[in-house]
Amino acid sequence: MKYLGVDFGNKKIGLAISEGELASPLLTLHVNNLNEGVLKVEEVIKKEGIEKIVVGLPDSGVRNSVLKFVKKLSKKYSVYVADETLSSKIALDTMVNLGIGKKRRKVEDSYSAALILQNYLDEKN
């Protein structure tokens, strides 16, 4: 099964992918609004042949926007909502520890998506 992990933000959406037991960062989309975000994610879903989507749900902040995003995607796709507590902080800390420079850390959102997806995969197995 092919999975897509999503770290949703109002301006940036991090995406990760997995075809097995290991999630990998895919890309970070830059969007202007929720509908554009949905359309761009749907393009990736179709292009990559995604079968299941795992979306990180924060405790606060963009929580309502994430729920709207999930509702729109759920009309066409199999979507699972996962806790994303501290995923962005953990991703940033990991990138710093790996010596990844500031310029390359701009893809932090895709690493956060990979953590969200990896946690889902680990729990599933």
PDB file of N, CA and C in Angstrom:
ATOM      1  N   MET A   1       0.838  -1.178   0.000  1.00  0.00           N
ATOM      2  CA  MET A   1       0.000   0.000   0.000  1.00  0.00           C
ATOM      3  C   MET A   1       0.882   1.240   0.000  1.00  0.00           C
ATOM      4  N   LYS A   2       0.477   2.247  -0.736  1.00  0.00           N
ATOM      5  CA  LYS A   2       1.235   3.486  -0.835  1.00  0.00           C
ATOM      6  C   LYS A   2       0.558   4.567   0.023  1.00  0.00           C
ATOM      7  N   TYR A   3       1.345   5.144   0.949  1.00  0.00           N
ATOM      8  CA  TYR A   3       0.838   6.124   1.902  1.00  0.00           C
ATOM      9  C   TYR A   3       1.395   7.506   1.623  1.00  0.00           C
ATOM     10  N   LEU A   4       0.597   8.528   1.960  1.00  0.00           N
ATOM     11  CA  LEU A   4       1.042   9.905   1.919  1.00  0.00           C
ATOM     12  C   LEU A   4       0.860  10.507   3.302  1.00  0.00           C
ATOM     13  N   GLY A   5       1.932  11.023   3.882  1.00  0.00           N
ATOM     14  CA  GLY A   5       1.857  11.725   5.155  1.00  0.00           C
ATOM     15  C   GLY A   5       1.743  13.214   4.884  1.00  0.00           C
ATOM     16  N   VAL A   6       0.913  13.907   5.683  1.00  0.00           N
ATOM     17  CA  VAL A   6       0.663  15.324   5.455  1.00  0.00           C
ATOM     18  C   VAL A   6       0.825  16.113   6.753  1.00  0.00           C
ATOM     19  N   ASP A   7       1.665  17.146   6.689  1.00  0.00           N
ATOM     20  CA  ASP A   7       1.788  18.134   7.760  1.00  0.00           C
ATOM     21  C   ASP A   7       1.192  19.420   7.195  1.00  0.00           C
ATOM     22  N   PHE A   8      -0.066  19.672   7.535  1.00  0.00           N
ATOM     23  CA  PHE A   8      -0.816  20.777   6.935  1.00  0.00           C
ATOM     24  C   PHE A   8      -0.529  22.103   7.623  1.00  0.00           C
ATOM     25  N   GLY A   9      -0.336  23.124   6.805  1.00  0.00           N
ATOM     26  CA  GLY A   9      -0.239  24.494   7.276  1.00  0.00           C
ATOM     27  C   GLY A   9      -0.970  25.389   6.296  1.00  0.00           C
ATOM     28  N   ASN A  10      -1.376  26.562   6.747  1.00  0.00           N
ATOM     29  CA  ASN A  10      -2.128  27.463   5.870  1.00  0.00           C
ATOM     30  C   ASN A  10      -1.299  27.997   4.712  1.00  0.00           C
ATOM     31  N   LYS A  11       0.022  28.037   4.860  1.00  0.00           N
ATOM     32  CA  LYS A  11       0.910  28.541   3.806  1.00  0.00           C
ATOM     33  C   LYS A  11       1.803  27.458   3.207  1.00  0.00           C
ATOM     34  N   LYS A  12       2.152  26.458   4.020  1.00  0.00           N
ATOM     35  CA  LYS A  12       3.017  25.357   3.553  1.00  0.00           C
ATOM     36  C   LYS A  12       2.418  24.025   3.988  1.00  0.00           C
ATOM     37  N   ILE A  13       2.503  23.049   3.093  1.00  0.00           N
ATOM     38  CA  ILE A  13       2.021  21.695   3.383  1.00  0.00           C
ATOM     39  C   ILE A  13       3.173  20.739   3.114  1.00  0.00           C
ATOM     40  N   GLY A  14       3.634  20.088   4.173  1.00  0.00           N
ATOM     41  CA  GLY A  14       4.695  19.111   4.035  1.00  0.00           C
ATOM     42  C   GLY A  14       4.125  17.761   3.662  1.00  0.00           C
ATOM     43  N   LEU A  15       4.777  17.068   2.744  1.00  0.00           N
ATOM     44  CA  LEU A  15       4.324  15.750   2.296  1.00  0.00           C
ATOM     45  C   LEU A  15       5.451  14.735   2.431  1.00  0.00           C
ATOM     46  N   ALA A  16       5.068  13.523   2.809  1.00  0.00           N
ATOM     47  CA  ALA A  16       5.996  12.400   2.897  1.00  0.00           C
ATOM     48  C   ALA A  16       5.325  11.198   2.262  1.00  0.00           C
ATOM     49  N   ILE A  17       6.120  10.211   1.899  1.00  0.00           N
ATOM     50  CA  ILE A  17       5.586   9.052   1.191  1.00  0.00           C
ATOM     51  C   ILE A  17       6.174   7.766   1.754  1.00  0.00           C
ATOM     52  N   SER A  18       5.409   6.691   1.619  1.00  0.00           N
ATOM     53  CA  SER A  18       5.897   5.375   2.013  1.00  0.00           C
ATOM     54  C   SER A  18       5.195   4.301   1.200  1.00  0.00           C
ATOM     55  N   GLU A  19       5.982   3.313   0.782  1.00  0.00           N
ATOM     56  CA  GLU A  19       5.418   2.142   0.113  1.00  0.00           C
ATOM     57  C   GLU A  19       5.611   0.902   0.966  1.00  0.00           C
ATOM     58  N   GLY A  20       6.214   1.068   2.112  1.00  0.00           N
ATOM     59  CA  GLY A  20       6.489  -0.064   2.988  1.00  0.00           C
ATOM     60  C   GLY A  20       6.447   0.380   4.429  1.00  0.00           C
ATOM     61  N   GLU A  21       7.535   0.116   5.144  1.00  0.00           N
ATOM     62  CA  GLU A  21       7.567   0.418   6.567  1.00  0.00           C
ATOM     63  C   GLU A  21       8.348   1.682   6.899  1.00  0.00           C
ATOM     64  N   LEU A  22       8.914   2.357   5.892  1.00  0.00           N
ATOM     65  CA  LEU A  22       9.735   3.525   6.135  1.00  0.00           C
ATOM     66  C   LEU A  22       9.211   4.738   5.375  1.00  0.00           C
ATOM     67  N   ALA A  23       8.939   5.828   6.124  1.00  0.00           N
ATOM     68  CA  ALA A  23       8.457   7.069   5.521  1.00  0.00           C
ATOM     69  C   ALA A  23       9.634   7.944   5.109  1.00  0.00           C
ATOM     70  N   SER A  24       9.502   8.617   3.980  1.00  0.00           N
ATOM     71  CA  SER A  24      10.539   9.518   3.480  1.00  0.00           C
ATOM     72  C   SER A  24       9.918  10.865   3.137  1.00  0.00           C
ATOM     73  N   PRO A  25      10.622  11.968   3.437  1.00  0.00           N
ATOM     74  CA  PRO A  25      10.122  13.282   3.028  1.00  0.00           C
ATOM     75  C   PRO A  25       9.973  13.317   1.513  1.00  0.00           C
ATOM     76  N   LEU A  26       8.907  13.947   1.043  1.00  0.00           N
ATOM     77  CA  LEU A  26       8.670  14.035  -0.400  1.00  0.00           C
ATOM     78  C   LEU A  26       8.887  15.464  -0.895  1.00  0.00           C
ATOM     79  N   LEU A  27       8.073  16.396  -0.419  1.00  0.00           N
ATOM     80  CA  LEU A  27       8.198  17.782  -0.839  1.00  0.00           C
ATOM     81  C   LEU A  27       7.374  18.685   0.061  1.00  0.00           C
ATOM     82  N   THR A  28       7.587  19.981  -0.085  1.00  0.00           N
ATOM     83  CA  THR A  28       6.793  20.977   0.630  1.00  0.00           C
ATOM     84  C   THR A  28       6.077  21.829  -0.400  1.00  0.00           C
ATOM     85  N   LEU A  29       4.757  21.881  -0.274  1.00  0.00           N
ATOM     86  CA  LEU A  29       3.941  22.690  -1.182  1.00  0.00           C
ATOM     87  C   LEU A  29       3.727  24.070  -0.574  1.00  0.00           C
ATOM     88  N   HIS A  30       3.776  25.097  -1.386  1.00  0.00           N
ATOM     89  CA  HIS A  30       3.459  26.456  -0.939  1.00  0.00           C
ATOM     90  C   HIS A  30       2.079  26.794  -1.488  1.00  0.00           C
ATOM     91  N   VAL A  31       1.166  27.197  -0.590  1.00  0.00           N
ATOM     92  CA  VAL A  31      -0.223  27.444  -0.979  1.00  0.00           C
ATOM     93  C   VAL A  31      -0.702  28.796  -0.443  1.00  0.00           C
ATOM     94  N   ASN A  32      -1.763  29.304  -1.068  1.00  0.00           N
ATOM     95  CA  ASN A  32      -2.347  30.578  -0.657  1.00  0.00           C
ATOM     96  C   ASN A  32      -3.609  30.412   0.175  1.00  0.00           C
ATOM     97  N   ASN A  33      -4.270  29.236   0.039  1.00  0.00           N
ATOM     98  CA  ASN A  33      -5.502  29.009   0.790  1.00  0.00           C
ATOM     99  C   ASN A  33      -5.815  27.513   0.854  1.00  0.00           C
ATOM    100  N   LEU A  34      -6.845  27.175   1.587  1.00  0.00           N
ATOM    101  CA  LEU A  34      -7.230  25.779   1.806  1.00  0.00           C
ATOM    102  C   LEU A  34      -7.559  25.061   0.497  1.00  0.00           C
ATOM    103  N   ASN A  35      -8.365  25.695  -0.358  1.00  0.00           N
ATOM    104  CA  ASN A  35      -8.761  25.035  -1.608  1.00  0.00           C
ATOM    105  C   ASN A  35      -7.571  24.756  -2.511  1.00  0.00           C
ATOM    106  N   GLU A  36      -6.637  25.699  -2.579  1.00  0.00           N
ATOM    107  CA  GLU A  36      -5.428  25.473  -3.369  1.00  0.00           C
ATOM    108  C   GLU A  36      -4.625  24.317  -2.780  1.00  0.00           C
ATOM    109  N   GLY A  37      -4.579  24.252  -1.456  1.00  0.00           N
ATOM    110  CA  GLY A  37      -3.883  23.152  -0.786  1.00  0.00           C
ATOM    111  C   GLY A  37      -4.485  21.809  -1.137  1.00  0.00           C
ATOM    112  N   VAL A  38      -5.801  21.729  -1.107  1.00  0.00           N
ATOM    113  CA  VAL A  38      -6.489  20.480  -1.450  1.00  0.00           C
ATOM    114  C   VAL A  38      -6.176  20.081  -2.887  1.00  0.00           C
ATOM    115  N   LEU A  39      -6.252  21.032  -3.810  1.00  0.00           N
ATOM    116  CA  LEU A  39      -5.986  20.733  -5.225  1.00  0.00           C
ATOM    117  C   LEU A  39      -4.559  20.252  -5.455  1.00  0.00           C
ATOM    118  N   LYS A  40      -3.591  20.929  -4.824  1.00  0.00           N
ATOM    119  CA  LYS A  40      -2.193  20.532  -5.005  1.00  0.00           C
ATOM    120  C   LYS A  40      -1.913  19.158  -4.402  1.00  0.00           C
ATOM    121  N   VAL A  41      -2.514  18.872  -3.252  1.00  0.00           N
ATOM    122  CA  VAL A  41      -2.330  17.555  -2.633  1.00  0.00           C
ATOM    123  C   VAL A  41      -2.991  16.484  -3.493  1.00  0.00           C
ATOM    124  N   GLU A  42      -4.158  16.776  -4.051  1.00  0.00           N
ATOM    125  CA  GLU A  42      -4.819  15.812  -4.933  1.00  0.00           C
ATOM    126  C   GLU A  42      -3.959  15.498  -6.159  1.00  0.00           C
ATOM    127  N   GLU A  43      -3.254  16.497  -6.691  1.00  0.00           N
ATOM    128  CA  GLU A  43      -2.353  16.261  -7.822  1.00  0.00           C
ATOM    129  C   GLU A  43      -1.264  15.261  -7.443  1.00  0.00           C
ATOM    130  N   VAL A  44      -0.710  15.408  -6.245  1.00  0.00           N
ATOM    131  CA  VAL A  44       0.337  14.488  -5.768  1.00  0.00           C
ATOM    132  C   VAL A  44      -0.251  13.096  -5.560  1.00  0.00           C
ATOM    133  N   ILE A  45      -1.442  13.029  -4.991  1.00  0.00           N
ATOM    134  CA  ILE A  45      -2.108  11.738  -4.746  1.00  0.00           C
ATOM    135  C   ILE A  45      -2.262  10.972  -6.064  1.00  0.00           C
ATOM    136  N   LYS A  46      -2.725  11.657  -7.087  1.00  0.00           N
ATOM    137  CA  LYS A  46      -2.926  11.014  -8.392  1.00  0.00           C
ATOM    138  C   LYS A  46      -1.595  10.628  -9.031  1.00  0.00           C
ATOM    139  N   LYS A  47      -0.639  11.559  -9.001  1.00  0.00           N
ATOM    140  CA  LYS A  47       0.665  11.317  -9.630  1.00  0.00           C
ATOM    141  C   LYS A  47       1.395  10.141  -8.987  1.00  0.00           C
ATOM    142  N   GLU A  48       1.336  10.041  -7.663  1.00  0.00           N
ATOM    143  CA  GLU A  48       2.072   9.015  -6.923  1.00  0.00           C
ATOM    144  C   GLU A  48       1.280   7.723  -6.716  1.00  0.00           C
ATOM    145  N   GLY A  49       0.000   7.709  -7.057  1.00  0.00           N
ATOM    146  CA  GLY A  49      -0.820   6.515  -6.868  1.00  0.00           C
ATOM    147  C   GLY A  49      -1.060   6.195  -5.391  1.00  0.00           C
ATOM    148  N   ILE A  50      -1.333   7.218  -4.611  1.00  0.00           N
ATOM    149  CA  ILE A  50      -1.522   7.069  -3.164  1.00  0.00           C
ATOM    150  C   ILE A  50      -2.829   6.344  -2.864  1.00  0.00           C
ATOM    151  N   GLU A  51      -2.770   5.423  -1.896  1.00  0.00           N
ATOM    152  CA  GLU A  51      -3.950   4.669  -1.503  1.00  0.00           C
ATOM    153  C   GLU A  51      -4.511   5.104  -0.154  1.00  0.00           C
ATOM    154  N   LYS A  52      -3.658   5.637   0.718  1.00  0.00           N
ATOM    155  CA  LYS A  52      -4.114   6.079   2.036  1.00  0.00           C
ATOM    156  C   LYS A  52      -3.340   7.325   2.447  1.00  0.00           C
ATOM    157  N   ILE A  53      -4.052   8.271   3.065  1.00  0.00           N
ATOM    158  CA  ILE A  53      -3.464   9.545   3.481  1.00  0.00           C
ATOM    159  C   ILE A  53      -3.508   9.637   5.001  1.00  0.00           C
ATOM    160  N   VAL A  54      -2.381  10.033   5.590  1.00  0.00           N
ATOM    161  CA  VAL A  54      -2.287  10.220   7.035  1.00  0.00           C
ATOM    162  C   VAL A  54      -1.998  11.703   7.271  1.00  0.00           C
ATOM    163  N   VAL A  55      -2.953  12.383   7.912  1.00  0.00           N
ATOM    164  CA  VAL A  55      -2.838  13.820   8.145  1.00  0.00           C
ATOM    165  C   VAL A  55      -2.603  14.072   9.628  1.00  0.00           C
ATOM    166  N   GLY A  56      -1.585  14.862   9.929  1.00  0.00           N
ATOM    167  CA  GLY A  56      -1.292  15.216  11.308  1.00  0.00           C
ATOM    168  C   GLY A  56      -2.278  16.246  11.826  1.00  0.00           C
ATOM    169  N   LEU A  57      -2.797  16.007  13.039  1.00  0.00           N
ATOM    170  CA  LEU A  57      -3.749  16.923  13.668  1.00  0.00           C
ATOM    171  C   LEU A  57      -3.113  17.533  14.903  1.00  0.00           C
ATOM    172  N   PRO A  58      -2.895  18.859  14.885  1.00  0.00           N
ATOM    173  CA  PRO A  58      -2.292  19.515  16.044  1.00  0.00           C
ATOM    174  C   PRO A  58      -3.314  19.750  17.156  1.00  0.00           C
ATOM    175  N   ASP A  59      -2.805  20.050  18.346  1.00  0.00           N
ATOM    176  CA  ASP A  59      -3.681  20.353  19.479  1.00  0.00           C
ATOM    177  C   ASP A  59      -4.319  21.729  19.337  1.00  0.00           C
ATOM    178  N   SER A  60      -3.640  22.651  18.685  1.00  0.00           N
ATOM    179  CA  SER A  60      -4.156  24.018  18.559  1.00  0.00           C
ATOM    180  C   SER A  60      -3.670  24.610  17.249  1.00  0.00           C
ATOM    181  N   GLY A  61      -3.661  25.927  17.163  1.00  0.00           N
ATOM    182  CA  GLY A  61      -3.166  26.590  15.949  1.00  0.00           C
ATOM    183  C   GLY A  61      -4.083  26.381  14.768  1.00  0.00           C
ATOM    184  N   VAL A  62      -3.649  25.613  13.790  1.00  0.00           N
ATOM    185  CA  VAL A  62      -4.406  25.423  12.538  1.00  0.00           C
ATOM    186  C   VAL A  62      -5.357  24.222  12.611  1.00  0.00           C
ATOM    187  N   ARG A  63      -5.677  23.783  13.802  1.00  0.00           N
ATOM    188  CA  ARG A  63      -6.519  22.586  13.983  1.00  0.00           C
ATOM    189  C   ARG A  63      -7.808  22.644  13.149  1.00  0.00           C
ATOM    190  N   ASN A  64      -8.527  23.776  13.205  1.00  0.00           N
ATOM    191  CA  ASN A  64      -9.788  23.884  12.453  1.00  0.00           C
ATOM    192  C   ASN A  64      -9.553  23.798  10.954  1.00  0.00           C
ATOM    193  N   SER A  65      -8.479  24.425  10.479  1.00  0.00           N
ATOM    194  CA  SER A  65      -8.150  24.349   9.048  1.00  0.00           C
ATOM    195  C   SER A  65      -7.815  22.911   8.652  1.00  0.00           C
ATOM    196  N   VAL A  66      -7.090  22.200   9.517  1.00  0.00           N
ATOM    197  CA  VAL A  66      -6.732  20.803   9.242  1.00  0.00           C
ATOM    198  C   VAL A  66      -8.008  19.965   9.127  1.00  0.00           C
ATOM    199  N   LEU A  67      -8.949  20.176  10.038  1.00  0.00           N
ATOM    200  CA  LEU A  67     -10.201  19.404  10.011  1.00  0.00           C
ATOM    201  C   LEU A  67     -10.985  19.682   8.727  1.00  0.00           C
ATOM    202  N   LYS A  68     -10.992  20.927   8.254  1.00  0.00           N
ATOM    203  CA  LYS A  68     -11.648  21.261   6.983  1.00  0.00           C
ATOM    204  C   LYS A  68     -10.934  20.580   5.817  1.00  0.00           C
ATOM    205  N   PHE A  69      -9.612  20.594   5.851  1.00  0.00           N
ATOM    206  CA  PHE A  69      -8.785  19.940   4.833  1.00  0.00           C
ATOM    207  C   PHE A  69      -9.105  18.445   4.777  1.00  0.00           C
ATOM    208  N   VAL A  70      -9.151  17.808   5.941  1.00  0.00           N
ATOM    209  CA  VAL A  70      -9.452  16.374   6.038  1.00  0.00           C
ATOM    210  C   VAL A  70     -10.848  16.090   5.502  1.00  0.00           C
ATOM    211  N   LYS A  71     -11.810  16.928   5.854  1.00  0.00           N
ATOM    212  CA  LYS A  71     -13.190  16.730   5.404  1.00  0.00           C
ATOM    213  C   LYS A  71     -13.273  16.756   3.872  1.00  0.00           C
ATOM    214  N   LYS A  72     -12.557  17.696   3.258  1.00  0.00           N
ATOM    215  CA  LYS A  72     -12.575  17.793   1.788  1.00  0.00           C
ATOM    216  C   LYS A  72     -11.914  16.574   1.141  1.00  0.00           C
ATOM    217  N   LEU A  73     -10.759  16.160   1.680  1.00  0.00           N
ATOM    218  CA  LEU A  73     -10.062  15.003   1.107  1.00  0.00           C
ATOM    219  C   LEU A  73     -10.836  13.707   1.321  1.00  0.00           C
ATOM    220  N   SER A  74     -11.531  13.604   2.455  1.00  0.00           N
ATOM    221  CA  SER A  74     -12.256  12.375   2.807  1.00  0.00           C
ATOM    222  C   SER A  74     -13.395  12.063   1.853  1.00  0.00           C
ATOM    223  N   LYS A  75     -13.824  13.049   1.100  1.00  0.00           N
ATOM    224  CA  LYS A  75     -14.902  12.818   0.136  1.00  0.00           C
ATOM    225  C   LYS A  75     -14.454  11.890  -0.992  1.00  0.00           C
ATOM    226  N   LYS A  76     -13.135  11.899  -1.286  1.00  0.00           N
ATOM    227  CA  LYS A  76     -12.618  11.114  -2.408  1.00  0.00           C
ATOM    228  C   LYS A  76     -11.616  10.039  -2.008  1.00  0.00           C
ATOM    229  N   TYR A  77     -10.984  10.210  -0.830  1.00  0.00           N
ATOM    230  CA  TYR A  77      -9.851   9.351  -0.469  1.00  0.00           C
ATOM    231  C   TYR A  77      -9.984   8.795   0.941  1.00  0.00           C
ATOM    232  N   SER A  78      -9.210   7.751   1.203  1.00  0.00           N
ATOM    233  CA  SER A  78      -9.130   7.160   2.531  1.00  0.00           C
ATOM    234  C   SER A  78      -8.147   7.991   3.362  1.00  0.00           C
ATOM    235  N   VAL A  79      -8.674   8.689   4.383  1.00  0.00           N
ATOM    236  CA  VAL A  79      -7.864   9.601   5.186  1.00  0.00           C
ATOM    237  C   VAL A  79      -7.899   9.178   6.646  1.00  0.00           C
ATOM    238  N   TYR A  80      -6.722   9.121   7.259  1.00  0.00           N
ATOM    239  CA  TYR A  80      -6.579   8.824   8.684  1.00  0.00           C
ATOM    240  C   TYR A  80      -5.975  10.056   9.350  1.00  0.00           C
ATOM    241  N   VAL A  81      -6.533  10.445  10.500  1.00  0.00           N
ATOM    242  CA  VAL A  81      -6.017  11.591  11.246  1.00  0.00           C
ATOM    243  C   VAL A  81      -5.144  11.065  12.385  1.00  0.00           C
ATOM    244  N   ALA A  82      -3.923  11.616  12.478  1.00  0.00           N
ATOM    245  CA  ALA A  82      -2.970  11.167  13.499  1.00  0.00           C
ATOM    246  C   ALA A  82      -2.509  12.362  14.335  1.00  0.00           C
ATOM    247  N   ASP A  83      -2.183  12.103  15.582  1.00  0.00           N
ATOM    248  CA  ASP A  83      -1.651  13.137  16.470  1.00  0.00           C
ATOM    249  C   ASP A  83      -0.303  13.603  15.928  1.00  0.00           C
ATOM    250  N   GLU A  84      -0.106  14.921  15.882  1.00  0.00           N
ATOM    251  CA  GLU A  84       1.164  15.431  15.372  1.00  0.00           C
ATOM    252  C   GLU A  84       1.909  16.244  16.428  1.00  0.00           C
ATOM    253  N   THR A  85       1.591  16.021  17.679  1.00  0.00           N
ATOM    254  CA  THR A  85       2.215  16.776  18.750  1.00  0.00           C
ATOM    255  C   THR A  85       3.731  16.802  18.615  1.00  0.00           C
ATOM    256  N   LEU A  86       4.279  17.995  18.561  1.00  0.00           N
ATOM    257  CA  LEU A  86       5.718  18.266  18.516  1.00  0.00           C
ATOM    258  C   LEU A  86       6.437  17.750  17.268  1.00  0.00           C
ATOM    259  N   SER A  87       5.712  17.329  16.231  1.00  0.00           N
ATOM    260  CA  SER A  87       6.397  16.782  15.053  1.00  0.00           C
ATOM    261  C   SER A  87       7.299  17.822  14.398  1.00  0.00           C
ATOM    262  N   SER A  88       6.866  19.074  14.320  1.00  0.00           N
ATOM    263  CA  SER A  88       7.699  20.113  13.700  1.00  0.00           C
ATOM    264  C   SER A  88       8.953  20.369  14.518  1.00  0.00           C
ATOM    265  N   LYS A  89       8.819  20.403  15.834  1.00  0.00           N
ATOM    266  CA  LYS A  89       9.983  20.633  16.705  1.00  0.00           C
ATOM    267  C   LYS A  89      10.958  19.469  16.600  1.00  0.00           C
ATOM    268  N   ILE A  90      10.452  18.248  16.629  1.00  0.00           N
ATOM    269  CA  ILE A  90      11.319  17.068  16.526  1.00  0.00           C
ATOM    270  C   ILE A  90      12.028  17.052  15.169  1.00  0.00           C
ATOM    271  N   ALA A  91      11.287  17.386  14.099  1.00  0.00           N
ATOM    272  CA  ALA A  91      11.894  17.416  12.760  1.00  0.00           C
ATOM    273  C   ALA A  91      13.012  18.451  12.697  1.00  0.00           C
ATOM    274  N   LEU A  92      12.767  19.631  13.240  1.00  0.00           N
ATOM    275  CA  LEU A  92      13.791  20.681  13.227  1.00  0.00           C
ATOM    276  C   LEU A  92      15.012  20.261  14.039  1.00  0.00           C
ATOM    277  N   ASP A  93      14.786  19.719  15.236  1.00  0.00           N
ATOM    278  CA  ASP A  93      15.902  19.260  16.068  1.00  0.00           C
ATOM    279  C   ASP A  93      16.722  18.183  15.362  1.00  0.00           C
ATOM    280  N   THR A  94      16.047  17.261  14.701  1.00  0.00           N
ATOM    281  CA  THR A  94      16.729  16.187  13.977  1.00  0.00           C
ATOM    282  C   THR A  94      17.576  16.751  12.846  1.00  0.00           C
ATOM    283  N   MET A  95      17.028  17.697  12.114  1.00  0.00           N
ATOM    284  CA  MET A  95      17.762  18.297  11.004  1.00  0.00           C
ATOM    285  C   MET A  95      18.993  19.055  11.501  1.00  0.00           C
ATOM    286  N   VAL A  96      18.855  19.754  12.620  1.00  0.00           N
ATOM    287  CA  VAL A  96      19.998  20.467  13.204  1.00  0.00           C
ATOM    288  C   VAL A  96      21.066  19.465  13.634  1.00  0.00           C
ATOM    289  N   ASN A  97      20.641  18.393  14.307  1.00  0.00           N
ATOM    290  CA  ASN A  97      21.582  17.361  14.769  1.00  0.00           C
ATOM    291  C   ASN A  97      22.291  16.661  13.611  1.00  0.00           C
ATOM    292  N   LEU A  98      21.642  16.584  12.471  1.00  0.00           N
ATOM    293  CA  LEU A  98      22.252  15.962  11.294  1.00  0.00           C
ATOM    294  C   LEU A  98      23.162  16.933  10.536  1.00  0.00           C
ATOM    295  N   GLY A  99      23.211  18.174  11.010  1.00  0.00           N
ATOM    296  CA  GLY A  99      24.073  19.160  10.376  1.00  0.00           C
ATOM    297  C   GLY A  99      23.502  19.748   9.101  1.00  0.00           C
ATOM    298  N   ILE A 100      22.199  19.650   8.931  1.00  0.00           N
ATOM    299  CA  ILE A 100      21.561  20.207   7.741  1.00  0.00           C
ATOM    300  C   ILE A 100      21.503  21.727   7.902  1.00  0.00           C
ATOM    301  N   GLY A 101      22.021  22.450   6.922  1.00  0.00           N
ATOM    302  CA  GLY A 101      22.097  23.901   6.973  1.00  0.00           C
ATOM    303  C   GLY A 101      20.743  24.580   6.963  1.00  0.00           C
ATOM    304  N   LYS A 102      20.753  25.860   7.368  1.00  0.00           N
ATOM    305  CA  LYS A 102      19.516  26.641   7.463  1.00  0.00           C
ATOM    306  C   LYS A 102      18.738  26.682   6.157  1.00  0.00           C
ATOM    307  N   LYS A 103      19.443  26.837   5.040  1.00  0.00           N
ATOM    308  CA  LYS A 103      18.775  26.899   3.738  1.00  0.00           C
ATOM    309  C   LYS A 103      17.987  25.628   3.455  1.00  0.00           C
ATOM    310  N   ARG A 104      18.604  24.493   3.707  1.00  0.00           N
ATOM    311  CA  ARG A 104      17.954  23.202   3.422  1.00  0.00           C
ATOM    312  C   ARG A 104      16.879  22.865   4.450  1.00  0.00           C
ATOM    313  N   ARG A 105      16.906  23.532   5.612  1.00  0.00           N
ATOM    314  CA  ARG A 105      15.896  23.252   6.636  1.00  0.00           C
ATOM    315  C   ARG A 105      14.542  23.855   6.294  1.00  0.00           C
ATOM    316  N   LYS A 106      14.469  24.582   5.182  1.00  0.00           N
ATOM    317  CA  LYS A 106      13.189  25.146   4.765  1.00  0.00           C
ATOM    318  C   LYS A 106      12.204  24.045   4.362  1.00  0.00           C
ATOM    319  N   VAL A 107      12.694  22.838   4.191  1.00  0.00           N
ATOM    320  CA  VAL A 107      11.824  21.702   3.859  1.00  0.00           C
ATOM    321  C   VAL A 107      11.412  20.954   5.121  1.00  0.00           C
ATOM    322  N   GLU A 108      11.548  21.638   6.253  1.00  0.00           N
ATOM    323  CA  GLU A 108      11.199  21.054   7.546  1.00  0.00           C
ATOM    324  C   GLU A 108       9.799  20.427   7.542  1.00  0.00           C
ATOM    325  N   ASP A 109       8.859  21.032   6.807  1.00  0.00           N
ATOM    326  CA  ASP A 109       7.487  20.542   6.787  1.00  0.00           C
ATOM    327  C   ASP A 109       7.396  19.127   6.214  1.00  0.00           C
ATOM    328  N   SER A 110       8.209  18.810   5.213  1.00  0.00           N
ATOM    329  CA  SER A 110       8.181  17.454   4.658  1.00  0.00           C
ATOM    330  C   SER A 110       8.787  16.454   5.647  1.00  0.00           C
ATOM    331  N   TYR A 111       9.758  16.896   6.446  1.00  0.00           N
ATOM    332  CA  TYR A 111      10.314  16.025   7.480  1.00  0.00           C
ATOM    333  C   TYR A 111       9.293  15.795   8.590  1.00  0.00           C
ATOM    334  N   SER A 112       8.525  16.831   8.919  1.00  0.00           N
ATOM    335  CA  SER A 112       7.452  16.678   9.906  1.00  0.00           C
ATOM    336  C   SER A 112       6.408  15.685   9.394  1.00  0.00           C
ATOM    337  N   ALA A 113       6.082  15.785   8.116  1.00  0.00           N
ATOM    338  CA  ALA A 113       5.133  14.847   7.506  1.00  0.00           C
ATOM    339  C   ALA A 113       5.674  13.427   7.576  1.00  0.00           C
ATOM    340  N   ALA A 114       6.981  13.276   7.358  1.00  0.00           N
ATOM    341  CA  ALA A 114       7.592  11.944   7.449  1.00  0.00           C
ATOM    342  C   ALA A 114       7.492  11.391   8.869  1.00  0.00           C
ATOM    343  N   LEU A 115       7.671  12.242   9.876  1.00  0.00           N
ATOM    344  CA  LEU A 115       7.529  11.788  11.269  1.00  0.00           C
ATOM    345  C   LEU A 115       6.098  11.369  11.562  1.00  0.00           C
ATOM    346  N   ILE A 116       5.144  12.155  11.094  1.00  0.00           N
ATOM    347  CA  ILE A 116       3.726  11.821  11.297  1.00  0.00           C
ATOM    348  C   ILE A 116       3.415  10.472  10.655  1.00  0.00           C
ATOM    349  N   LEU A 117       3.851  10.294   9.418  1.00  0.00           N
ATOM    350  CA  LEU A 117       3.594   9.044   8.700  1.00  0.00           C
ATOM    351  C   LEU A 117       4.337   7.880   9.351  1.00  0.00           C
ATOM    352  N   GLN A 118       5.589   8.092   9.751  1.00  0.00           N
ATOM    353  CA  GLN A 118       6.359   7.022  10.372  1.00  0.00           C
ATOM    354  C   GLN A 118       5.724   6.571  11.672  1.00  0.00           C
ATOM    355  N   ASN A 119       5.239   7.522  12.479  1.00  0.00           N
ATOM    356  CA  ASN A 119       4.547   7.156  13.727  1.00  0.00           C
ATOM    357  C   ASN A 119       3.312   6.310  13.443  1.00  0.00           C
ATOM    358  N   TYR A 120       2.560   6.677  12.404  1.00  0.00           N
ATOM    359  CA  TYR A 120       1.388   5.900  12.005  1.00  0.00           C
ATOM    360  C   TYR A 120       1.787   4.486  11.596  1.00  0.00           C
ATOM    361  N   LEU A 121       2.810   4.388  10.747  1.00  0.00           N
ATOM    362  CA  LEU A 121       3.271   3.078  10.280  1.00  0.00           C
ATOM    363  C   LEU A 121       3.762   2.208  11.427  1.00  0.00           C
ATOM    364  N   ASP A 122       4.501   2.810  12.375  1.00  0.00           N
ATOM    365  CA  ASP A 122       5.008   2.070  13.526  1.00  0.00           C
ATOM    366  C   ASP A 122       3.867   1.547  14.391  1.00  0.00           C
ATOM    367  N   GLU A 123       2.841   2.376  14.614  1.00  0.00           N
ATOM    368  CA  GLU A 123       1.688   1.950  15.418  1.00  0.00           C
ATOM    369  C   GLU A 123       0.897   0.864  14.719  1.00  0.00           C
ATOM    370  N   LYS A 124       0.798   0.984  13.388  1.00  0.00           N
ATOM    371  CA  LYS A 124       0.048   0.009  12.604  1.00  0.00           C
ATOM    372  C   LYS A 124       0.697  -1.371  12.657  1.00  0.00           C
ATOM    373  N   ASN A 125       2.010  -1.383  12.674  1.00  0.00           N
ATOM    374  CA  ASN A 125       2.754  -2.651  12.692  1.00  0.00           C
ATOM    375  C   ASN A 125       3.003  -3.010  14.106  1.00  0.00           C
TER     376      ASN A 125
END
